[in-house]
Amino acid sequence: MFSTVTRASSKAGLKLGAVSGSRAALSIGTARKMAKEVPSGRRVVAEPGSTTYAALEARLNLSFGDRAVMEQVCTHKSYAQGRVEHNERMEWIGKRALNLFVGEHLLATYPNLSTEALQDVQHSSFGMSSLAEVGRHFGMQAAMRWEPVSREAPAVGLTKVLGKAVQALVGAIYQRQGEAAARQFVKQHVLSRPVDVEAVMQIKNPKVMLVALTRQKGLEYPVARILKETGRFTSSPVFIVGVFCGTKMVGMGFGSSLKMAEHRAAKDALLKYYAKEIKDIGVTGDEPDVSLFAQDVAV
């Protein structure tokens, strides 16, 4: 009796072992097959679902009425070798709408800014990198469908892809909801970003430029005056200088020397003026240095 049960248990154990072995073999075979299907060194990333696009619309405070629109906005032409609907046409119209809205804004804000400076401001403050930051702010990178150029560095190219996606988003709003809605979106999320006019001015000789500007505008010749000073005869003096046109102070600067403070005061005057306008005032850059101080002040 005991031997019979033992033999039966042994057979059952062998059978169970055979089944487990076959399952393990199947799992290993399946894993090998999957490994063959996924290229070496390539990450398998989960596809963004409908909830991802719904959340993105909510963050953007948009409603297209069709979830496929946002999916297309977030689909770059590199995805699936361009065999699915991508955002290139949306990006094309959005880019032109953006250029119009940004151009109108810059012209209204800086009415006398030269066209070259306008172009520089648009590129530096509203270019692809700036648009990509808008996309990152709303988390668009998690919803993007695209194929990186390099598998070893999948983040390379993401900035350009995100920037184009924001352009496509503006294009989708323009096409689906009209010009007014697209203009409002750009005003709220793009034009609200800070603009650095100083970065594109390239003021090499502010005193010469200020003298030329006041002459062109028919203003009194600018004069520099010491407002405060400390430690003149020490190793670390500090001077605060104001530049005046008549009785009005148009700029102020500080420095460890009168010349440095004067330079910064003239630059401050130009920046204050050109916060509204900047244009060619006939300075070639070859003019000799000048001093705005009265002749009896040693610089």
Protein backbone atom coordinates (compact mmCIF):
# COMPACT_ATOMS: atom_id res chain seq x y z
CA MET A 1 0.00 0.00 0.00
CA PHE A 2 2.71 2.45 1.01
CA SER A 3 4.83 1.59 -2.02
CA THR A 4 1.83 2.13 -4.32
CA VAL A 5 1.20 5.63 -2.95
CA THR A 6 4.87 6.46 -3.22
CA ARG A 7 4.99 5.35 -6.83
CA ALA A 8 1.84 7.36 -7.59
CA SER A 9 3.31 10.47 -5.93
CA SER A 10 6.51 10.06 -7.87
CA LYS A 11 4.63 9.89 -11.17
CA ALA A 12 2.58 12.95 -10.25
CA GLY A 13 5.75 14.80 -9.31
CA LEU A 14 7.38 13.88 -12.59
CA LYS A 15 4.30 15.00 -14.50
CA LEU A 16 4.15 18.29 -12.60
CA GLY A 17 7.87 18.83 -13.19
CA ALA A 18 7.40 18.22 -16.87
CA VAL A 19 4.55 20.76 -17.04
CA SER A 20 6.55 23.35 -15.07
CA GLY A 21 9.56 22.75 -17.28
CA SER A 22 7.52 23.21 -20.43
CA ARG A 23 6.05 26.45 -19.04
CA ALA A 24 9.49 27.73 -18.15
CA ALA A 25 10.73 26.81 -21.60
CA LEU A 26 7.74 28.63 -23.12
CA SER A 27 8.45 31.74 -21.04
CA ILE A 28 12.11 31.72 -22.04
CA GLY A 29 11.15 31.25 -25.68
CA THR A 30 8.65 34.10 -25.50
CA ALA A 31 11.24 36.37 -23.87
CA ARG A 32 13.77 35.52 -26.57
CA LYS A 33 11.21 36.21 -29.27
CA MET A 34 10.38 39.61 -27.72
CA ALA A 35 14.06 40.41 -27.44
CA LYS A 36 14.44 39.75 -31.16
CA GLU A 37 11.48 42.00 -31.98
CA VAL A 38 12.86 44.98 -29.98
CA PRO A 39 16.06 46.43 -31.48
CA SER A 40 19.10 46.26 -29.24
CA GLY A 41 19.65 49.36 -27.10
CA ARG A 42 16.19 50.70 -27.77
CA ARG A 43 13.81 51.58 -24.97
CA VAL A 44 10.21 50.38 -25.07
CA VAL A 45 8.12 53.42 -24.11
CA ALA A 46 4.44 53.18 -23.33
CA GLU A 47 2.23 55.00 -25.81
CA PRO A 48 0.48 58.08 -24.41
CA GLY A 49 -3.20 57.27 -23.94
CA SER A 50 -6.39 59.27 -24.19
CA THR A 51 -6.10 60.29 -20.53
CA THR A 52 -2.72 61.89 -21.30
CA TYR A 53 -4.23 64.10 -23.99
CA ALA A 54 -7.27 64.88 -21.85
CA ALA A 55 -5.00 66.00 -19.02
CA LEU A 56 -2.96 68.11 -21.43
CA GLU A 57 -6.08 69.83 -22.75
CA ALA A 58 -7.15 70.54 -19.16
CA ARG A 59 -3.77 72.08 -18.30
CA LEU A 60 -3.93 74.22 -21.43
CA ASN A 61 -7.57 75.14 -20.70
CA LEU A 62 -8.53 73.99 -24.19
CA SER A 63 -11.27 71.80 -25.60
CA PHE A 64 -11.12 70.70 -29.22
CA GLY A 65 -14.10 68.36 -28.92
CA ASP A 66 -12.06 65.63 -30.59
CA ARG A 67 -9.25 63.92 -28.71
CA ALA A 68 -7.60 63.01 -32.02
CA VAL A 69 -6.71 66.69 -32.57
CA MET A 70 -4.43 66.87 -29.52
CA GLU A 71 -2.96 63.49 -30.42
CA GLN A 72 -2.09 64.81 -33.87
CA VAL A 73 -0.63 68.00 -32.35
CA CYS A 74 1.73 65.82 -30.31
CA THR A 75 2.72 63.53 -33.19
CA HIS A 76 5.92 64.44 -35.02
CA LYS A 77 6.38 63.37 -38.63
CA SER A 78 9.26 61.10 -37.55
CA TYR A 79 6.84 58.86 -35.66
CA ALA A 80 5.99 55.57 -37.38
CA GLN A 81 7.92 56.82 -40.42
CA GLY A 82 5.16 59.33 -41.12
CA ARG A 83 2.52 56.66 -41.79
CA VAL A 84 0.11 58.18 -39.24
CA GLU A 85 -1.46 61.62 -39.04
CA HIS A 86 1.22 64.03 -37.83
CA ASN A 87 1.41 67.73 -36.97
CA GLU A 88 3.38 69.11 -39.93
CA ARG A 89 0.47 70.96 -41.57
CA MET A 90 -0.69 72.33 -38.21
CA GLU A 91 2.87 73.44 -37.49
CA TRP A 92 3.06 75.19 -40.89
CA ILE A 93 0.02 77.40 -40.28
CA GLY A 94 0.83 77.84 -36.59
CA LYS A 95 4.32 79.13 -37.34
CA ARG A 96 2.93 81.83 -39.59
CA ALA A 97 0.22 82.81 -37.12
CA LEU A 98 2.84 83.04 -34.37
CA ASN A 99 5.10 85.22 -36.50
CA LEU A 100 2.18 87.58 -37.16
CA PHE A 101 1.10 87.83 -33.52
CA VAL A 102 4.64 88.20 -32.19
CA GLY A 103 5.52 90.75 -34.90
CA GLU A 104 2.48 92.88 -34.10
CA HIS A 105 3.32 92.73 -30.39
CA LEU A 106 6.93 93.79 -30.89
CA LEU A 107 6.00 96.64 -33.23
CA ALA A 108 3.44 97.96 -30.75
CA THR A 109 5.72 97.60 -27.73
CA TYR A 110 8.90 98.91 -29.37
CA PRO A 111 7.60 101.23 -32.12
CA ASN A 112 11.02 102.55 -33.10
CA LEU A 113 12.98 99.33 -32.81
CA SER A 114 15.00 98.68 -35.96
CA THR A 115 13.93 95.74 -38.10
CA GLU A 116 17.24 94.02 -37.43
CA ALA A 117 16.76 94.36 -33.68
CA LEU A 118 13.13 93.25 -33.97
CA GLN A 119 14.30 90.11 -35.72
CA ASP A 120 16.91 89.48 -33.05
CA VAL A 121 14.39 89.97 -30.24
CA GLN A 122 11.92 87.64 -31.93
CA HIS A 123 14.58 84.97 -32.37
CA SER A 124 16.01 85.23 -28.87
CA SER A 125 12.76 85.61 -26.94
CA PHE A 126 10.22 83.77 -29.09
CA GLY A 127 12.31 81.26 -31.03
CA MET A 128 12.25 77.47 -30.96
CA SER A 129 13.93 77.19 -27.55
CA SER A 130 11.45 79.60 -25.98
CA LEU A 131 8.50 77.73 -27.51
CA ALA A 132 9.93 74.44 -26.25
CA GLU A 133 9.97 75.89 -22.73
CA VAL A 134 6.28 76.69 -23.12
CA GLY A 135 5.71 73.06 -24.09
CA ARG A 136 7.71 71.78 -21.12
CA HIS A 137 5.77 74.06 -18.79
CA PHE A 138 2.57 72.26 -19.74
CA GLY A 139 4.16 68.81 -19.79
CA MET A 140 3.83 68.22 -23.53
CA GLN A 141 6.99 66.11 -23.58
CA ALA A 142 5.08 63.27 -21.87
CA ALA A 143 2.51 63.29 -24.67
CA MET A 144 4.89 63.51 -27.63
CA ARG A 145 5.11 60.73 -30.21
CA TRP A 146 8.37 60.95 -32.15
CA GLU A 147 11.47 58.99 -33.09
CA PRO A 148 14.81 60.30 -31.78
CA VAL A 149 17.59 60.62 -34.33
CA SER A 150 20.02 58.86 -32.00
CA ARG A 151 19.05 55.83 -29.93
CA GLU A 152 22.04 56.40 -27.68
CA ALA A 153 20.90 59.97 -26.92
CA PRO A 154 17.09 59.96 -27.14
CA ALA A 155 16.77 63.48 -25.70
CA VAL A 156 18.67 65.02 -28.61
CA GLY A 157 16.22 66.89 -30.82
CA LEU A 158 13.46 67.10 -28.19
CA THR A 159 13.70 70.89 -27.97
CA LYS A 160 13.01 71.29 -31.68
CA VAL A 161 10.23 68.69 -31.58
CA LEU A 162 8.55 70.45 -28.64
CA GLY A 163 8.90 73.85 -30.29
CA LYS A 164 7.25 72.56 -33.44
CA ALA A 165 4.51 70.95 -31.34
CA VAL A 166 3.70 74.34 -29.76
CA GLN A 167 3.57 75.85 -33.25
CA ALA A 168 1.24 73.01 -34.25
CA LEU A 169 -0.90 73.69 -31.18
CA VAL A 170 -1.30 77.33 -32.22
CA GLY A 171 -2.16 76.12 -35.73
CA ALA A 172 -4.79 73.72 -34.37
CA ILE A 173 -6.37 76.48 -32.28
CA TYR A 174 -6.30 78.81 -35.30
CA GLN A 175 -7.98 76.23 -37.53
CA ARG A 176 -10.49 74.89 -35.00
CA GLN A 177 -11.38 77.93 -32.90
CA GLY A 178 -10.41 80.89 -35.04
CA GLU A 179 -7.88 83.72 -35.08
CA ALA A 180 -9.14 85.42 -31.90
CA ALA A 181 -8.68 82.26 -29.82
CA ALA A 182 -5.21 81.64 -31.26
CA ARG A 183 -4.21 85.24 -30.63
CA GLN A 184 -5.42 85.05 -27.02
CA PHE A 185 -3.51 81.80 -26.42
CA VAL A 186 -0.29 83.31 -27.80
CA LYS A 187 -0.78 86.46 -25.75
CA GLN A 188 -1.34 84.50 -22.55
CA HIS A 189 1.35 81.83 -22.88
CA VAL A 190 3.97 83.13 -25.33
CA LEU A 191 3.99 86.92 -25.30
CA SER A 192 3.87 86.98 -21.51
CA ARG A 193 7.46 85.68 -21.40
CA PRO A 194 10.15 88.26 -20.53
CA VAL A 195 11.93 90.05 -23.38
CA ASP A 196 15.59 91.00 -23.02
CA VAL A 197 16.13 93.99 -25.28
CA GLU A 198 19.56 94.68 -23.80
CA ALA A 199 20.84 91.32 -25.04
CA VAL A 200 20.33 92.35 -28.67
CA MET A 201 21.39 96.00 -28.46
CA GLN A 202 25.18 95.43 -28.47
CA ILE A 203 26.02 98.82 -26.96
CA LYS A 204 29.76 99.15 -27.46
CA ASN A 205 30.17 102.87 -26.80
CA PRO A 206 27.13 104.14 -24.87
CA LYS A 207 28.48 107.69 -24.36
CA VAL A 208 28.93 108.24 -28.10
CA MET A 209 25.52 106.71 -28.81
CA LEU A 210 23.87 108.91 -26.17
CA VAL A 211 25.44 112.07 -27.55
CA ALA A 212 24.30 111.12 -31.08
CA LEU A 213 20.81 110.30 -29.83
CA THR A 214 20.33 113.58 -27.98
CA ARG A 215 21.58 115.48 -31.03
CA GLN A 216 19.16 113.59 -33.26
CA LYS A 217 16.24 114.23 -30.91
CA GLY A 218 17.08 117.90 -30.39
CA LEU A 219 17.75 117.43 -26.67
CA GLU A 220 20.33 119.20 -24.57
CA TYR A 221 23.84 117.80 -24.54
CA PRO A 222 24.09 115.08 -21.84
CA VAL A 223 26.15 116.00 -18.79
CA ALA A 224 27.47 113.58 -16.15
CA ARG A 225 27.41 114.56 -12.48
CA ILE A 226 28.68 112.81 -9.39
CA LEU A 227 25.76 111.93 -7.14
CA LYS A 228 27.62 110.09 -4.40
CA GLU A 229 31.08 108.78 -3.75
CA THR A 230 32.99 106.94 -1.07
CA GLY A 231 36.60 105.87 -0.59
CA ARG A 232 38.05 108.03 -3.36
CA PHE A 233 41.57 107.70 -1.92
CA THR A 234 41.29 104.05 -0.89
CA SER A 235 41.85 100.82 -2.80
CA SER A 236 38.11 100.26 -3.26
CA PRO A 237 36.34 103.51 -4.14
CA VAL A 238 32.72 103.62 -5.29
CA PHE A 239 31.24 106.38 -7.44
CA ILE A 240 27.58 106.91 -8.35
CA VAL A 241 27.08 109.07 -11.43
CA GLY A 242 23.96 110.51 -13.02
CA VAL A 243 23.62 111.68 -16.62
CA PHE A 244 21.40 114.72 -17.13
CA CYS A 245 19.81 116.35 -20.14
CA GLY A 246 19.11 119.79 -18.78
CA THR A 247 17.54 119.30 -15.35
CA LYS A 248 16.27 115.78 -16.06
CA MET A 249 18.37 112.79 -15.02
CA VAL A 250 18.16 110.25 -17.84
CA GLY A 251 20.52 107.58 -16.49
CA MET A 252 22.48 106.49 -13.46
CA GLY A 253 25.44 104.15 -12.92
CA PHE A 254 28.07 103.16 -10.41
CA GLY A 255 31.63 101.91 -10.58
CA SER A 256 35.03 101.78 -8.98
CA SER A 257 36.12 104.68 -11.20
CA LEU A 258 34.40 107.76 -12.56
CA LYS A 259 34.88 106.49 -16.09
CA MET A 260 33.19 103.18 -15.31
CA ALA A 261 30.30 104.88 -13.53
CA GLU A 262 29.90 107.35 -16.40
CA HIS A 263 29.89 104.48 -18.91
CA ARG A 264 27.19 102.63 -16.97
CA ALA A 265 25.10 105.77 -16.51
CA ALA A 266 25.12 106.45 -20.26
CA LYS A 267 24.21 102.82 -20.94
CA ASP A 268 21.38 103.03 -18.41
CA ALA A 269 20.06 106.12 -20.21
CA LEU A 270 20.08 104.29 -23.54
CA LEU A 271 18.37 101.22 -22.10
CA LYS A 272 15.64 103.33 -20.55
CA TYR A 273 15.10 105.09 -23.84
CA TYR A 274 15.31 101.99 -26.00
CA ALA A 275 12.99 100.00 -23.79
CA LYS A 276 10.50 101.61 -26.11
CA GLU A 277 12.59 102.10 -29.22
CA ILE A 278 15.96 101.36 -30.76
CA LYS A 279 17.17 102.25 -34.22
CA ASP A 280 20.26 103.15 -36.14
CA ILE A 281 21.35 106.59 -34.94
CA GLY A 282 24.32 106.90 -37.24
CA VAL A 283 27.07 105.57 -34.98
CA THR A 284 29.66 103.55 -36.88
CA GLY A 285 31.69 102.42 -33.88
CA ASP A 286 34.86 104.24 -35.04
CA GLU A 287 34.21 107.45 -33.10
CA PRO A 288 36.75 108.42 -30.43
CA ASP A 289 35.84 108.13 -26.77
CA VAL A 290 34.22 111.18 -25.20
CA SER A 291 33.62 112.36 -21.65
CA LEU A 292 30.28 113.71 -20.49
CA PHE A 293 31.78 115.36 -17.39
CA ALA A 294 32.43 119.06 -17.23
CA GLN A 295 35.97 120.04 -18.14
CA ASP A 296 36.95 120.78 -14.54
CA VAL A 297 36.19 117.23 -13.34
CA ALA A 298 39.13 114.84 -13.39
CA VAL A 299 38.10 111.40 -14.69
